[in-house]
């Protein structure tokens, strides 16, 4: 698979990250995102709906069959393509942070 043409938005990255941890529904993803970001990132329901709709079309996520207790919630899972996109973005961000660390440390000298 080729490189992503452009970086993911923060919301997309968090959604994929939450699904990397396991299947979840939109509200659960919104809660996990807020928790992981210490409240800095809050994904609204409109953003969640638009993002999941787009990711379903791209094949990054899939709807899973409802699990017990979630009959009214749409559950999502990460596809192999979505896993690849997430890990590729993780690598890009890691390289970016490492480059910044090097520059910051050089500037201190």
PDB file of N, CA and C in Angstrom:
ATOM      1  N   UNK A   1       0.836  -1.192   0.000  1.00  0.00           N
ATOM      2  CA  UNK A   1       0.000   0.000   0.000  1.00  0.00           C
ATOM      3  C   UNK A   1       0.869   1.239   0.000  1.00  0.00           C
ATOM      4  N   UNK A   2       0.437   2.245  -0.700  1.00  0.00           N
ATOM      5  CA  UNK A   2       1.211   3.473  -0.798  1.00  0.00           C
ATOM      6  C   UNK A   2       1.004   4.388   0.384  1.00  0.00           C
ATOM      7  N   UNK A   3       1.787   5.415   0.388  1.00  0.00           N
ATOM      8  CA  UNK A   3       1.701   6.424   1.448  1.00  0.00           C
ATOM      9  C   UNK A   3       0.396   7.199   1.342  1.00  0.00           C
ATOM     10  N   UNK A   4      -0.050   7.682   2.499  1.00  0.00           N
ATOM     11  CA  UNK A   4      -1.209   8.575   2.516  1.00  0.00           C
ATOM     12  C   UNK A   4      -0.837   9.848   1.779  1.00  0.00           C
ATOM     13  N   UNK A   5      -1.782  10.423   1.068  1.00  0.00           N
ATOM     14  CA  UNK A   5      -1.477  11.639   0.313  1.00  0.00           C
ATOM     15  C   UNK A   5      -1.337  12.845   1.233  1.00  0.00           C
ATOM     16  N   UNK A   6      -2.030  12.840   2.359  1.00  0.00           N
ATOM     17  CA  UNK A   6      -1.906  13.949   3.306  1.00  0.00           C
ATOM     18  C   UNK A   6      -2.159  13.437   4.716  1.00  0.00           C
ATOM     19  N   UNK A   7      -1.675  14.179   5.711  1.00  0.00           N
ATOM     20  CA  UNK A   7      -1.852  13.739   7.095  1.00  0.00           C
ATOM     21  C   UNK A   7      -3.329  13.659   7.481  1.00  0.00           C
ATOM     22  N   UNK A   8      -3.605  12.811   8.452  1.00  0.00           N
ATOM     23  CA  UNK A   8      -4.965  12.698   8.977  1.00  0.00           C
ATOM     24  C   UNK A   8      -5.267  13.892   9.873  1.00  0.00           C
ATOM     25  N   UNK A   9      -6.533  14.238   9.944  1.00  0.00           N
ATOM     26  CA  UNK A   9      -6.923  15.237  10.939  1.00  0.00           C
ATOM     27  C   UNK A   9      -6.807  14.595  12.315  1.00  0.00           C
ATOM     28  N   UNK A  10      -6.765  15.431  13.320  1.00  0.00           N
ATOM     29  CA  UNK A  10      -6.654  14.917  14.680  1.00  0.00           C
ATOM     30  C   UNK A  10      -7.855  14.039  15.030  1.00  0.00           C
ATOM     31  N   UNK A  11      -9.041  14.447  14.618  1.00  0.00           N
ATOM     32  CA  UNK A  11     -10.242  13.645  14.892  1.00  0.00           C
ATOM     33  C   UNK A  11     -10.154  12.276  14.239  1.00  0.00           C
ATOM     34  N   UNK A  12      -9.750  12.237  12.985  1.00  0.00           N
ATOM     35  CA  UNK A  12      -9.615  10.953  12.287  1.00  0.00           C
ATOM     36  C   UNK A  12      -8.589  10.072  12.989  1.00  0.00           C
ATOM     37  N   UNK A  13      -7.466  10.661  13.374  1.00  0.00           N
ATOM     38  CA  UNK A  13      -6.429   9.892  14.042  1.00  0.00           C
ATOM     39  C   UNK A  13      -6.959   9.290  15.339  1.00  0.00           C
ATOM     40  N   UNK A  14      -7.649  10.089  16.137  1.00  0.00           N
ATOM     41  CA  UNK A  14      -8.188   9.582  17.398  1.00  0.00           C
ATOM     42  C   UNK A  14      -9.230   8.500  17.172  1.00  0.00           C
ATOM     43  N   UNK A  15     -10.077   8.652  16.167  1.00  0.00           N
ATOM     44  CA  UNK A  15     -11.088   7.634  15.886  1.00  0.00           C
ATOM     45  C   UNK A  15     -10.405   6.317  15.526  1.00  0.00           C
ATOM     46  N   UNK A  16      -9.423   6.373  14.640  1.00  0.00           N
ATOM     47  CA  UNK A  16      -8.697   5.157  14.271  1.00  0.00           C
ATOM     48  C   UNK A  16      -7.953   4.572  15.462  1.00  0.00           C
ATOM     49  N   UNK A  17      -7.378   5.435  16.287  1.00  0.00           N
ATOM     50  CA  UNK A  17      -6.655   4.966  17.468  1.00  0.00           C
ATOM     51  C   UNK A  17      -7.596   4.237  18.424  1.00  0.00           C
ATOM     52  N   UNK A  18      -8.761   4.805  18.648  1.00  0.00           N
ATOM     53  CA  UNK A  18      -9.735   4.165  19.541  1.00  0.00           C
ATOM     54  C   UNK A  18     -10.167   2.813  18.993  1.00  0.00           C
ATOM     55  N   UNK A  19     -10.360   2.721  17.684  1.00  0.00           N
ATOM     56  CA  UNK A  19     -10.761   1.451  17.088  1.00  0.00           C
ATOM     57  C   UNK A  19      -9.608   0.464  17.022  1.00  0.00           C
ATOM     58  N   UNK A  20      -8.387   0.955  17.016  1.00  0.00           N
ATOM     59  CA  UNK A  20      -7.219   0.067  17.095  1.00  0.00           C
ATOM     60  C   UNK A  20      -7.251  -0.688  18.425  1.00  0.00           C
ATOM     61  N   UNK A  21      -7.773  -0.019  19.461  1.00  0.00           N
ATOM     62  CA  UNK A  21      -7.886  -0.635  20.785  1.00  0.00           C
ATOM     63  C   UNK A  21      -9.001  -1.681  20.825  1.00  0.00           C
ATOM     64  N   UNK A  22      -9.956  -1.612  19.898  1.00  0.00           N
ATOM     65  CA  UNK A  22     -11.041  -2.586  19.841  1.00  0.00           C
ATOM     66  C   UNK A  22     -12.312  -1.986  19.280  1.00  0.00           C
ATOM     67  N   UNK A  23     -13.243  -2.837  18.928  1.00  0.00           N
ATOM     68  CA  UNK A  23     -14.520  -2.389  18.370  1.00  0.00           C
ATOM     69  C   UNK A  23     -15.203  -1.442  19.348  1.00  0.00           C
ATOM     70  N   UNK A  24     -15.919  -0.467  18.799  1.00  0.00           N
ATOM     71  CA  UNK A  24     -16.583   0.510  19.658  1.00  0.00           C
ATOM     72  C   UNK A  24     -17.692   1.194  18.866  1.00  0.00           C
ATOM     73  N   UNK A  25     -18.535   1.895  19.582  1.00  0.00           N
ATOM     74  CA  UNK A  25     -19.592   2.692  18.969  1.00  0.00           C
ATOM     75  C   UNK A  25     -19.180   4.158  19.036  1.00  0.00           C
ATOM     76  N   UNK A  26     -19.881   4.998  18.293  1.00  0.00           N
ATOM     77  CA  UNK A  26     -19.516   6.409  18.191  1.00  0.00           C
ATOM     78  C   UNK A  26     -19.374   7.110  19.524  1.00  0.00           C
ATOM     79  N   UNK A  27     -20.348   6.930  20.393  1.00  0.00           N
ATOM     80  CA  UNK A  27     -20.283   7.602  21.694  1.00  0.00           C
ATOM     81  C   UNK A  27     -19.094   7.113  22.506  1.00  0.00           C
ATOM     82  N   UNK A  28     -18.813   5.824  22.436  1.00  0.00           N
ATOM     83  CA  UNK A  28     -17.654   5.274  23.142  1.00  0.00           C
ATOM     84  C   UNK A  28     -16.352   5.856  22.613  1.00  0.00           C
ATOM     85  N   UNK A  29     -16.272   6.030  21.303  1.00  0.00           N
ATOM     86  CA  UNK A  29     -15.079   6.630  20.686  1.00  0.00           C
ATOM     87  C   UNK A  29     -14.930   8.071  21.154  1.00  0.00           C
ATOM     88  N   UNK A  30     -16.050   8.788  21.207  1.00  0.00           N
ATOM     89  CA  UNK A  30     -16.011  10.186  21.664  1.00  0.00           C
ATOM     90  C   UNK A  30     -15.504  10.257  23.107  1.00  0.00           C
ATOM     91  N   UNK A  31     -15.953   9.347  23.951  1.00  0.00           N
ATOM     92  CA  UNK A  31     -15.515   9.330  25.351  1.00  0.00           C
ATOM     93  C   UNK A  31     -14.042   8.962  25.466  1.00  0.00           C
ATOM     94  N   UNK A  32     -13.615   7.948  24.711  1.00  0.00           N
ATOM     95  CA  UNK A  32     -12.205   7.532  24.752  1.00  0.00           C
ATOM     96  C   UNK A  32     -11.287   8.655  24.280  1.00  0.00           C
ATOM     97  N   UNK A  33     -11.704   9.343  23.224  1.00  0.00           N
ATOM     98  CA  UNK A  33     -10.896  10.440  22.695  1.00  0.00           C
ATOM     99  C   UNK A  33     -10.701  11.521  23.750  1.00  0.00           C
ATOM    100  N   UNK A  34     -11.773  11.886  24.412  1.00  0.00           N
ATOM    101  CA  UNK A  34     -11.680  12.907  25.452  1.00  0.00           C
ATOM    102  C   UNK A  34     -10.767  12.440  26.583  1.00  0.00           C
ATOM    103  N   UNK A  35     -10.876  11.175  26.937  1.00  0.00           N
ATOM    104  CA  UNK A  35     -10.025  10.617  28.002  1.00  0.00           C
ATOM    105  C   UNK A  35      -8.551  10.589  27.584  1.00  0.00           C
ATOM    106  N   UNK A  36      -8.265  10.042  26.382  1.00  0.00           N
ATOM    107  CA  UNK A  36      -6.879   9.941  25.903  1.00  0.00           C
ATOM    108  C   UNK A  36      -6.215  11.303  25.764  1.00  0.00           C
ATOM    109  N   UNK A  37      -6.998  12.325  25.417  1.00  0.00           N
ATOM    110  CA  UNK A  37      -6.437  13.656  25.192  1.00  0.00           C
ATOM    111  C   UNK A  37      -6.532  14.544  26.431  1.00  0.00           C
ATOM    112  N   UNK A  38      -6.884  13.961  27.571  1.00  0.00           N
ATOM    113  CA  UNK A  38      -7.073  14.729  28.811  1.00  0.00           C
ATOM    114  C   UNK A  38      -8.041  15.888  28.606  1.00  0.00           C
ATOM    115  N   UNK A  39      -9.083  15.665  27.812  1.00  0.00           N
ATOM    116  CA  UNK A  39     -10.109  16.667  27.605  1.00  0.00           C
ATOM    117  C   UNK A  39      -9.797  17.708  26.546  1.00  0.00           C
ATOM    118  N   UNK A  40      -8.617  17.649  25.954  1.00  0.00           N
ATOM    119  CA  UNK A  40      -8.219  18.630  24.945  1.00  0.00           C
ATOM    120  C   UNK A  40      -8.977  18.452  23.641  1.00  0.00           C
ATOM    121  N   UNK A  41      -9.255  17.205  23.267  1.00  0.00           N
ATOM    122  CA  UNK A  41      -9.949  16.924  22.013  1.00  0.00           C
ATOM    123  C   UNK A  41     -11.334  16.365  22.331  1.00  0.00           C
ATOM    124  N   UNK A  42     -12.334  17.043  21.799  1.00  0.00           N
ATOM    125  CA  UNK A  42     -13.715  16.600  21.964  1.00  0.00           C
ATOM    126  C   UNK A  42     -14.317  16.478  20.572  1.00  0.00           C
ATOM    127  N   UNK A  43     -14.688  15.258  20.226  1.00  0.00           N
ATOM    128  CA  UNK A  43     -15.295  15.019  18.921  1.00  0.00           C
ATOM    129  C   UNK A  43     -16.804  15.129  19.085  1.00  0.00           C
ATOM    130  N   UNK A  44     -17.406  16.062  18.374  1.00  0.00           N
ATOM    131  CA  UNK A  44     -18.852  16.231  18.416  1.00  0.00           C
ATOM    132  C   UNK A  44     -19.556  15.172  17.588  1.00  0.00           C
ATOM    133  N   UNK A  45     -20.846  15.042  17.803  1.00  0.00           N
ATOM    134  CA  UNK A  45     -21.602  14.005  17.099  1.00  0.00           C
ATOM    135  C   UNK A  45     -21.619  14.242  15.584  1.00  0.00           C
ATOM    136  N   UNK A  46     -21.668  15.493  15.158  1.00  0.00           N
ATOM    137  CA  UNK A  46     -21.634  15.784  13.724  1.00  0.00           C
ATOM    138  C   UNK A  46     -20.321  15.380  13.092  1.00  0.00           C
ATOM    139  N   UNK A  47     -19.228  15.687  13.768  1.00  0.00           N
ATOM    140  CA  UNK A  47     -17.899  15.292  13.287  1.00  0.00           C
ATOM    141  C   UNK A  47     -17.782  13.780  13.261  1.00  0.00           C
ATOM    142  N   UNK A  48     -18.283  13.137  14.319  1.00  0.00           N
ATOM    143  CA  UNK A  48     -18.218  11.674  14.396  1.00  0.00           C
ATOM    144  C   UNK A  48     -18.998  11.038  13.254  1.00  0.00           C
ATOM    145  N   UNK A  49     -20.205  11.530  13.010  1.00  0.00           N
ATOM    146  CA  UNK A  49     -21.032  10.978  11.936  1.00  0.00           C
ATOM    147  C   UNK A  49     -20.347  11.150  10.582  1.00  0.00           C
ATOM    148  N   UNK A  50     -19.853  12.358  10.304  1.00  0.00           N
ATOM    149  CA  UNK A  50     -19.188  12.617   9.032  1.00  0.00           C
ATOM    150  C   UNK A  50     -17.925  11.791   8.853  1.00  0.00           C
ATOM    151  N   UNK A  51     -17.133  11.696   9.911  1.00  0.00           N
ATOM    152  CA  UNK A  51     -15.870  10.951   9.839  1.00  0.00           C
ATOM    153  C   UNK A  51     -16.122   9.461   9.650  1.00  0.00           C
ATOM    154  N   UNK A  52     -17.048   8.900  10.421  1.00  0.00           N
ATOM    155  CA  UNK A  52     -17.300   7.464  10.286  1.00  0.00           C
ATOM    156  C   UNK A  52     -17.905   7.148   8.913  1.00  0.00           C
ATOM    157  N   UNK A  53     -18.750   8.022   8.429  1.00  0.00           N
ATOM    158  CA  UNK A  53     -19.329   7.826   7.100  1.00  0.00           C
ATOM    159  C   UNK A  53     -18.233   7.814   6.036  1.00  0.00           C
ATOM    160  N   UNK A  54     -17.324   8.759   6.121  1.00  0.00           N
ATOM    161  CA  UNK A  54     -16.222   8.851   5.163  1.00  0.00           C
ATOM    162  C   UNK A  54     -15.281   7.647   5.293  1.00  0.00           C
ATOM    163  N   UNK A  55     -14.979   7.254   6.530  1.00  0.00           N
ATOM    164  CA  UNK A  55     -14.073   6.115   6.744  1.00  0.00           C
ATOM    165  C   UNK A  55     -14.702   4.810   6.276  1.00  0.00           C
ATOM    166  N   UNK A  56     -16.016   4.675   6.415  1.00  0.00           N
ATOM    167  CA  UNK A  56     -16.701   3.495   5.889  1.00  0.00           C
ATOM    168  C   UNK A  56     -16.555   3.440   4.371  1.00  0.00           C
ATOM    169  N   UNK A  57     -16.727   4.586   3.698  1.00  0.00           N
ATOM    170  CA  UNK A  57     -16.598   4.647   2.238  1.00  0.00           C
ATOM    171  C   UNK A  57     -15.181   4.306   1.786  1.00  0.00           C
ATOM    172  N   UNK A  58     -14.182   4.744   2.561  1.00  0.00           N
ATOM    173  CA  UNK A  58     -12.785   4.485   2.211  1.00  0.00           C
ATOM    174  C   UNK A  58     -12.358   3.059   2.555  1.00  0.00           C
ATOM    175  N   UNK A  59     -13.187   2.366   3.337  1.00  0.00           N
ATOM    176  CA  UNK A  59     -12.853   1.001   3.729  1.00  0.00           C
ATOM    177  C   UNK A  59     -11.923   0.916   4.925  1.00  0.00           C
ATOM    178  N   UNK A  60     -11.764   2.017   5.650  1.00  0.00           N
ATOM    179  CA  UNK A  60     -10.878   2.035   6.823  1.00  0.00           C
ATOM    180  C   UNK A  60     -11.533   1.395   8.036  1.00  0.00           C
ATOM    181  N   UNK A  61     -12.856   1.510   8.106  1.00  0.00           N
ATOM    182  CA  UNK A  61     -13.602   0.909   9.203  1.00  0.00           C
ATOM    183  C   UNK A  61     -14.778   0.143   8.608  1.00  0.00           C
ATOM    184  N   UNK A  62     -15.365  -0.714   9.421  1.00  0.00           N
ATOM    185  CA  UNK A  62     -16.538  -1.473   8.999  1.00  0.00           C
ATOM    186  C   UNK A  62     -17.536  -1.489  10.143  1.00  0.00           C
ATOM    187  N   UNK A  63     -18.794  -1.592   9.794  1.00  0.00           N
ATOM    188  CA  UNK A  63     -19.806  -1.774  10.830  1.00  0.00           C
ATOM    189  C   UNK A  63     -19.773  -3.226  11.255  1.00  0.00           C
ATOM    190  N   UNK A  64     -19.817  -3.457  12.553  1.00  0.00           N
ATOM    191  CA  UNK A  64     -19.859  -4.835  13.035  1.00  0.00           C
ATOM    192  C   UNK A  64     -21.278  -5.155  13.456  1.00  0.00           C
ATOM    193  N   UNK A  65     -21.523  -6.426  13.580  1.00  0.00           N
ATOM    194  CA  UNK A  65     -22.840  -6.824  14.063  1.00  0.00           C
ATOM    195  C   UNK A  65     -22.962  -6.377  15.516  1.00  0.00           C
ATOM    196  N   UNK A  66     -24.166  -6.022  15.883  1.00  0.00           N
ATOM    197  CA  UNK A  66     -24.405  -5.533  17.240  1.00  0.00           C
ATOM    198  C   UNK A  66     -24.036  -6.588  18.267  1.00  0.00           C
ATOM    199  N   UNK A  67     -23.430  -6.129  19.325  1.00  0.00           N
ATOM    200  CA  UNK A  67     -23.108  -7.013  20.443  1.00  0.00           C
ATOM    201  C   UNK A  67     -24.162  -6.810  21.516  1.00  0.00           C
ATOM    202  N   UNK A  68     -24.204  -7.718  22.440  1.00  0.00           N
ATOM    203  CA  UNK A  68     -25.217  -7.648  23.488  1.00  0.00           C
ATOM    204  C   UNK A  68     -25.176  -6.295  24.196  1.00  0.00           C
ATOM    205  N   UNK A  69     -26.344  -5.690  24.348  1.00  0.00           N
ATOM    206  CA  UNK A  69     -26.447  -4.419  25.053  1.00  0.00           C
ATOM    207  C   UNK A  69     -26.243  -3.199  24.187  1.00  0.00           C
ATOM    208  N   UNK A  70     -25.965  -3.380  22.910  1.00  0.00           N
ATOM    209  CA  UNK A  70     -25.721  -2.216  22.046  1.00  0.00           C
ATOM    210  C   UNK A  70     -26.635  -2.230  20.821  1.00  0.00           C
ATOM    211  N   UNK A  71     -27.832  -2.757  20.967  1.00  0.00           N
ATOM    212  CA  UNK A  71     -28.735  -2.908  19.827  1.00  0.00           C
ATOM    213  C   UNK A  71     -29.019  -1.588  19.121  1.00  0.00           C
ATOM    214  N   UNK A  72     -29.011  -0.487  19.850  1.00  0.00           N
ATOM    215  CA  UNK A  72     -29.347   0.807  19.251  1.00  0.00           C
ATOM    216  C   UNK A  72     -28.117   1.574  18.785  1.00  0.00           C
ATOM    217  N   UNK A  73     -26.946   1.046  19.019  1.00  0.00           N
ATOM    218  CA  UNK A  73     -25.718   1.759  18.649  1.00  0.00           C
ATOM    219  C   UNK A  73     -25.029   1.056  17.490  1.00  0.00           C
ATOM    220  N   UNK A  74     -24.510   1.865  16.582  1.00  0.00           N
ATOM    221  CA  UNK A  74     -23.740   1.312  15.472  1.00  0.00           C
ATOM    222  C   UNK A  74     -22.332   1.034  15.968  1.00  0.00           C
ATOM    223  N   UNK A  75     -21.915  -0.191  15.864  1.00  0.00           N
ATOM    224  CA  UNK A  75     -20.578  -0.581  16.290  1.00  0.00           C
ATOM    225  C   UNK A  75     -19.643  -0.580  15.086  1.00  0.00           C
ATOM    226  N   UNK A  76     -18.407  -0.144  15.326  1.00  0.00           N
ATOM    227  CA  UNK A  76     -17.416  -0.070  14.260  1.00  0.00           C
ATOM    228  C   UNK A  76     -16.180  -0.872  14.626  1.00  0.00           C
ATOM    229  N   UNK A  77     -15.525  -1.387  13.600  1.00  0.00           N
ATOM    230  CA  UNK A  77     -14.248  -2.069  13.787  1.00  0.00           C
ATOM    231  C   UNK A  77     -13.272  -1.541  12.753  1.00  0.00           C
ATOM    232  N   UNK A  78     -12.011  -1.676  13.061  1.00  0.00           N
ATOM    233  CA  UNK A  78     -10.945  -1.238  12.173  1.00  0.00           C
ATOM    234  C   UNK A  78     -10.681  -2.338  11.146  1.00  0.00           C
ATOM    235  N   UNK A  79     -10.591  -1.980   9.878  1.00  0.00           N
ATOM    236  CA  UNK A  79     -10.252  -2.949   8.833  1.00  0.00           C
ATOM    237  C   UNK A  79      -8.728  -3.024   8.716  1.00  0.00           C
ATOM    238  N   UNK A  80      -8.249  -3.955   7.920  1.00  0.00           N
ATOM    239  CA  UNK A  80      -6.801  -4.048   7.675  1.00  0.00           C
ATOM    240  C   UNK A  80      -6.274  -2.764   7.047  1.00  0.00           C
ATOM    241  N   UNK A  81      -7.048  -2.196   6.129  1.00  0.00           N
ATOM    242  CA  UNK A  81      -6.642  -0.934   5.496  1.00  0.00           C
ATOM    243  C   UNK A  81      -6.579   0.173   6.545  1.00  0.00           C
ATOM    244  N   UNK A  82      -7.600   0.255   7.395  1.00  0.00           N
ATOM    245  CA  UNK A  82      -7.631   1.263   8.451  1.00  0.00           C
ATOM    246  C   UNK A  82      -6.470   1.106   9.422  1.00  0.00           C
ATOM    247  N   UNK A  83      -6.142  -0.137   9.736  1.00  0.00           N
ATOM    248  CA  UNK A  83      -4.995  -0.405  10.627  1.00  0.00           C
ATOM    249  C   UNK A  83      -3.713   0.112   9.980  1.00  0.00           C
ATOM    250  N   UNK A  84      -3.566  -0.141   8.681  1.00  0.00           N
ATOM    251  CA  UNK A  84      -2.389   0.325   7.944  1.00  0.00           C
ATOM    252  C   UNK A  84      -2.324   1.861   7.938  1.00  0.00           C
ATOM    253  N   UNK A  85      -3.457   2.498   7.676  1.00  0.00           N
ATOM    254  CA  UNK A  85      -3.516   3.967   7.647  1.00  0.00           C
ATOM    255  C   UNK A  85      -3.136   4.529   9.019  1.00  0.00           C
ATOM    256  N   UNK A  86      -3.685   3.936  10.084  1.00  0.00           N
ATOM    257  CA  UNK A  86      -3.384   4.406  11.437  1.00  0.00           C
ATOM    258  C   UNK A  86      -1.899   4.252  11.746  1.00  0.00           C
ATOM    259  N   UNK A  87      -1.336   3.079  11.475  1.00  0.00           N
ATOM    260  CA  UNK A  87       0.082   2.846  11.806  1.00  0.00           C
ATOM    261  C   UNK A  87       1.002   3.718  10.956  1.00  0.00           C
ATOM    262  N   UNK A  88       0.631   3.956   9.709  1.00  0.00           N
ATOM    263  CA  UNK A  88       1.410   4.840   8.846  1.00  0.00           C
ATOM    264  C   UNK A  88       1.423   6.268   9.409  1.00  0.00           C
ATOM    265  N   UNK A  89       0.262   6.716   9.868  1.00  0.00           N
ATOM    266  CA  UNK A  89       0.174   8.063  10.450  1.00  0.00           C
ATOM    267  C   UNK A  89       0.930   8.134  11.769  1.00  0.00           C
ATOM    268  N   UNK A  90       0.851   7.076  12.555  1.00  0.00           N
ATOM    269  CA  UNK A  90       1.614   7.007  13.804  1.00  0.00           C
ATOM    270  C   UNK A  90       3.114   7.151  13.526  1.00  0.00           C
ATOM    271  N   UNK A  91       3.591   6.452  12.512  1.00  0.00           N
ATOM    272  CA  UNK A  91       5.009   6.549  12.132  1.00  0.00           C
ATOM    273  C   UNK A  91       5.366   7.963  11.688  1.00  0.00           C
ATOM    274  N   UNK A  92       4.485   8.588  10.904  1.00  0.00           N
ATOM    275  CA  UNK A  92       4.738   9.955  10.430  1.00  0.00           C
ATOM    276  C   UNK A  92       4.834  10.919  11.611  1.00  0.00           C
ATOM    277  N   UNK A  93       3.913  10.797  12.548  1.00  0.00           N
ATOM    278  CA  UNK A  93       3.913  11.677  13.721  1.00  0.00           C
ATOM    279  C   UNK A  93       5.144  11.409  14.589  1.00  0.00           C
ATOM    280  N   UNK A  94       5.511  10.150  14.733  1.00  0.00           N
ATOM    281  CA  UNK A  94       6.697   9.794  15.525  1.00  0.00           C
ATOM    282  C   UNK A  94       7.964  10.397  14.923  1.00  0.00           C
ATOM    283  N   UNK A  95       8.092  10.310  13.598  1.00  0.00           N
ATOM    284  CA  UNK A  95       9.248  10.903  12.917  1.00  0.00           C
ATOM    285  C   UNK A  95       9.268  12.415  13.102  1.00  0.00           C
ATOM    286  N   UNK A  96       8.108  13.025  13.004  1.00  0.00           N
ATOM    287  CA  UNK A  96       7.990  14.467  13.197  1.00  0.00           C
ATOM    288  C   UNK A  96       8.438  14.859  14.610  1.00  0.00           C
ATOM    289  N   UNK A  97       7.953  14.126  15.610  1.00  0.00           N
ATOM    290  CA  UNK A  97       8.315  14.413  17.005  1.00  0.00           C
ATOM    291  C   UNK A  97       9.802  14.188  17.243  1.00  0.00           C
ATOM    292  N   UNK A  98      10.365  13.155  16.645  1.00  0.00           N
ATOM    293  CA  UNK A  98      11.797  12.878  16.811  1.00  0.00           C
ATOM    294  C   UNK A  98      12.634  13.991  16.179  1.00  0.00           C
ATOM    295  N   UNK A  99      12.240  14.458  15.010  1.00  0.00           N
ATOM    296  CA  UNK A  99      12.952  15.566  14.374  1.00  0.00           C
ATOM    297  C   UNK A  99      12.897  16.817  15.247  1.00  0.00           C
ATOM    298  N   UNK A 100      11.736  17.090  15.808  1.00  0.00           N
ATOM    299  CA  UNK A 100      11.590  18.250  16.695  1.00  0.00           C
ATOM    300  C   UNK A 100      12.464  18.099  17.934  1.00  0.00           C
ATOM    301  N   UNK A 101      12.515  16.880  18.488  1.00  0.00           N
ATOM    302  CA  UNK A 101      13.352  16.634  19.672  1.00  0.00           C
ATOM    303  C   UNK A 101      14.817  16.917  19.368  1.00  0.00           C
ATOM    304  N   UNK A 102      15.268  16.479  18.220  1.00  0.00           N
ATOM    305  CA  UNK A 102      16.676  16.697  17.821  1.00  0.00           C
ATOM    306  C   UNK A 102      16.954  18.200  17.713  1.00  0.00           C
ATOM    307  N   UNK A 103      16.083  18.922  17.042  1.00  0.00           N
ATOM    308  CA  UNK A 103      16.266  20.370  16.869  1.00  0.00           C
ATOM    309  C   UNK A 103      16.255  21.084  18.225  1.00  0.00           C
ATOM    310  N   UNK A 104      15.312  20.709  19.076  1.00  0.00           N
ATOM    311  CA  UNK A 104      15.214  21.344  20.407  1.00  0.00           C
ATOM    312  C   UNK A 104      16.487  21.090  21.209  1.00  0.00           C
ATOM    313  N   UNK A 105      16.976  19.854  21.171  1.00  0.00           N
ATOM    314  CA  UNK A 105      18.195  19.522  21.916  1.00  0.00           C
ATOM    315  C   UNK A 105      19.423  20.235  21.336  1.00  0.00           C
ATOM    316  N   UNK A 106      19.483  20.377  20.017  1.00  0.00           N
ATOM    317  CA  UNK A 106      20.595  21.101  19.402  1.00  0.00           C
ATOM    318  C   UNK A 106      20.557  22.574  19.761  1.00  0.00           C
ATOM    319  N   UNK A 107      19.363  23.130  19.853  1.00  0.00           N
ATOM    320  CA  UNK A 107      19.222  24.538  20.189  1.00  0.00           C
ATOM    321  C   UNK A 107      19.640  24.818  21.626  1.00  0.00           C
ATOM    322  N   UNK A 108      19.559  23.825  22.497  1.00  0.00           N
ATOM    323  CA  UNK A 108      19.946  23.980  23.909  1.00  0.00           C
ATOM    324  C   UNK A 108      21.453  24.029  24.074  1.00  0.00           C
ATOM    325  N   UNK A 109      22.180  23.452  23.110  1.00  0.00           N
ATOM    326  CA  UNK A 109      23.653  23.351  23.225  1.00  0.00           C
ATOM    327  C   UNK A 109      24.342  24.680  23.010  1.00  0.00           C
TER     328      UNK A 109
END
